[in-house]
Protein backbone atom coordinates (compact mmCIF):
# COMPACT_ATOMS: atom_id res chain seq x y z
CA UNK A 1 77.92 15.46 -5.08
CA UNK A 2 80.59 12.79 -4.77
CA UNK A 3 83.62 12.81 -7.02
CA UNK A 4 83.65 10.08 -9.71
CA UNK A 5 86.02 7.17 -9.32
CA UNK A 6 89.37 7.52 -11.09
CA UNK A 7 88.88 6.57 -14.73
CA UNK A 8 90.93 3.34 -14.55
CA UNK A 9 88.79 2.08 -11.63
CA UNK A 10 85.42 2.62 -13.30
CA UNK A 11 83.60 -0.36 -14.81
CA UNK A 12 82.60 -0.66 -18.44
CA UNK A 13 78.96 -0.10 -19.38
CA UNK A 14 77.59 -3.22 -21.07
CA UNK A 15 76.32 -2.59 -24.58
CA UNK A 16 75.69 -3.98 -28.03
CA UNK A 17 76.48 -2.94 -31.58
CA UNK A 18 74.92 -3.84 -34.94
CA UNK A 19 76.39 -4.18 -38.39
CA UNK A 20 73.40 -4.24 -40.73
CA UNK A 21 74.21 -5.53 -44.23
CA UNK A 22 71.94 -4.82 -47.21
CA UNK A 23 71.51 -7.11 -50.22
CA UNK A 24 74.50 -5.44 -51.97
CA UNK A 25 76.79 -6.17 -49.01
CA UNK A 26 76.92 -2.54 -47.90
CA UNK A 27 76.44 -1.62 -44.23
CA UNK A 28 74.13 0.87 -42.53
CA UNK A 29 75.90 3.87 -40.99
CA UNK A 30 74.56 7.07 -39.49
CA UNK A 31 75.72 10.41 -38.10
CA UNK A 32 74.88 11.18 -34.47
CA UNK A 33 72.47 14.04 -33.97
CA UNK A 34 74.34 15.35 -30.89
CA UNK A 35 77.75 16.05 -32.42
CA UNK A 36 79.19 18.42 -34.97
CA UNK A 37 81.90 15.93 -35.90
CA UNK A 38 81.51 14.44 -39.38
CA UNK A 39 81.66 10.96 -37.83
CA UNK A 40 79.63 7.96 -39.01
CA UNK A 41 78.83 4.96 -36.85
CA UNK A 42 76.85 1.75 -36.56
CA UNK A 43 73.74 1.55 -34.37
CA UNK A 44 74.70 0.68 -30.81
CA UNK A 45 73.43 1.07 -27.27
CA UNK A 46 73.26 -0.16 -23.73
CA UNK A 47 71.89 -3.40 -22.35
CA UNK A 48 69.02 -2.87 -19.91
CA UNK A 49 68.98 -4.74 -16.60
CA UNK A 50 67.73 -8.30 -17.12
CA UNK A 51 68.06 -8.04 -20.91
CA UNK A 52 70.05 -10.50 -23.02
CA UNK A 53 72.57 -8.97 -25.47
CA UNK A 54 70.71 -10.15 -28.59
CA UNK A 55 67.43 -8.85 -27.20
CA UNK A 56 69.14 -5.48 -26.60
CA UNK A 57 70.57 -5.42 -30.13
CA UNK A 58 67.16 -5.99 -31.71
CA UNK A 59 65.56 -3.37 -29.44
CA UNK A 60 68.28 -0.84 -30.27
CA UNK A 61 67.82 -1.43 -34.00
CA UNK A 62 64.10 -0.71 -33.75
CA UNK A 63 64.62 2.31 -31.46
CA UNK A 64 67.44 3.90 -33.46
CA UNK A 65 66.60 3.15 -37.09
CA UNK A 66 62.89 2.37 -36.91
CA UNK A 67 62.95 -1.14 -38.31
CA UNK A 68 63.20 -4.74 -37.18
CA UNK A 69 63.35 -6.24 -40.67
CA UNK A 70 66.58 -8.17 -40.25
CA UNK A 71 67.95 -11.54 -39.27
CA UNK A 72 71.08 -12.23 -37.25
CA UNK A 73 73.83 -13.86 -39.30
CA UNK A 74 76.82 -13.63 -36.93
CA UNK A 75 77.87 -12.68 -33.40
CA UNK A 76 81.25 -11.42 -32.27
CA UNK A 77 83.37 -14.11 -30.62
CA UNK A 78 84.16 -11.88 -27.68
CA UNK A 79 83.06 -8.70 -26.00
CA UNK A 80 84.92 -5.70 -27.46
CA UNK A 81 85.57 -2.58 -25.40
CA UNK A 82 86.50 1.04 -25.86
CA UNK A 83 87.51 3.72 -23.37
CA UNK A 84 86.07 7.20 -23.43
CA UNK A 85 88.51 10.12 -23.56
CA UNK A 86 88.97 11.51 -20.00
CA UNK A 87 87.12 14.76 -20.78
CA UNK A 88 84.06 12.83 -21.99
CA UNK A 89 84.20 10.12 -19.32
CA UNK A 90 83.22 12.57 -16.59
CA UNK A 91 80.23 13.83 -18.61
CA UNK A 92 78.79 10.72 -20.27
CA UNK A 93 76.64 8.35 -18.19
CA UNK A 94 77.08 10.65 -15.16
CA UNK A 95 80.77 9.74 -14.94
CA UNK A 96 80.04 6.18 -13.76
CA UNK A 97 81.82 4.30 -16.58
CA UNK A 98 85.19 4.34 -18.31
CA UNK A 99 83.68 3.27 -21.63
CA UNK A 100 81.66 0.39 -23.03
CA UNK A 101 82.15 -3.35 -23.39
CA UNK A 102 79.99 -4.48 -26.29
CA UNK A 103 78.73 -7.66 -27.92
CA UNK A 104 78.45 -7.13 -31.69
CA UNK A 105 76.01 -8.67 -34.16
CA UNK A 106 75.98 -8.83 -37.95
CA UNK A 107 72.48 -8.79 -39.43
CA UNK A 108 71.07 -9.17 -42.91
CA UNK A 109 68.57 -6.41 -43.72
CA UNK A 110 65.35 -7.92 -45.09
CA UNK A 111 63.49 -4.71 -45.84
CA UNK A 112 63.84 -1.81 -48.25
CA UNK A 113 65.33 1.62 -47.66
CA UNK A 114 61.77 2.90 -47.10
CA UNK A 115 61.59 0.74 -43.95
CA UNK A 116 64.41 2.71 -42.33
CA UNK A 117 63.23 5.73 -40.36
CA UNK A 118 65.75 7.57 -38.18
CA UNK A 119 63.09 10.11 -37.16
CA UNK A 120 62.19 7.92 -34.19
CA UNK A 121 60.56 8.84 -30.87
CA UNK A 122 64.01 9.75 -29.47
CA UNK A 123 66.16 10.42 -32.57
CA UNK A 124 69.87 9.70 -32.29
CA UNK A 125 70.89 10.24 -35.91
CA UNK A 126 70.71 13.20 -38.30
CA UNK A 127 71.36 11.26 -41.51
CA UNK A 128 72.20 7.76 -42.71
CA UNK A 129 73.68 5.94 -45.68
CA UNK A 130 74.95 2.58 -46.90
CA UNK A 131 78.72 2.20 -47.26
CA UNK A 132 81.43 -0.41 -47.61
CA UNK A 133 82.30 -2.11 -44.33
CA UNK A 134 86.03 -1.41 -44.70
CA UNK A 135 85.38 2.35 -45.02
CA UNK A 136 83.65 2.77 -41.66
CA UNK A 137 86.59 2.75 -39.17
CA UNK A 138 88.16 5.81 -40.83
CA UNK A 139 84.89 7.71 -40.33
CA UNK A 140 84.18 6.92 -36.66
CA UNK A 141 85.24 9.17 -33.76
CA UNK A 142 88.92 8.44 -33.03
CA UNK A 143 88.40 6.86 -29.59
CA UNK A 144 86.20 4.12 -31.11
CA UNK A 145 88.46 3.42 -34.11
CA UNK A 146 90.26 0.40 -32.60
CA UNK A 147 86.93 -1.20 -31.67
CA UNK A 148 85.60 -0.61 -35.19
CA UNK A 149 88.77 -2.12 -36.68
CA UNK A 150 88.11 -5.26 -34.62
CA UNK A 151 84.44 -5.41 -35.65
CA UNK A 152 85.33 -4.98 -39.32
CA UNK A 153 88.01 -7.69 -39.10
CA UNK A 154 85.53 -10.08 -37.51
CA UNK A 155 82.66 -9.48 -39.93
CA UNK A 156 84.56 -8.75 -43.17
CA UNK A 157 84.26 -12.34 -44.43
CA UNK A 158 80.48 -12.32 -44.35
CA UNK A 159 79.07 -12.84 -47.79
CA UNK A 160 75.62 -11.43 -48.43
């Protein structure tokens, strides 16, 4: 097996993230099923080859939280990236990437809580809840905190 590239020479994996607002202006957050950390995050995932970012975002929403009852209300101006910690970078995505570069979308949830089902075909979350947008960065894993600060700053003026 070949040794992975040095971390600083690895590319970013292209991905998307979603900030789903409910009618009260709260945002959907969930805890990953594969970690013991008490961290909460937004739905996010990779972009498949040949897929447009918005298409990936809508697919990820359906795959991760079991619903597509939402409409896009904003898109991040730029791609926002994060780097994985070195110990994780060699394990995640077979050591091919240094982190992710993501396009973020704000969506208005058009369904009810009963439409959300995290017990999907390939579950990623153990539990979910609605919370205030400004509270989320303090609850994410530390290496994603700067990215979440940027997402919150960009979408904090959205009135639902």
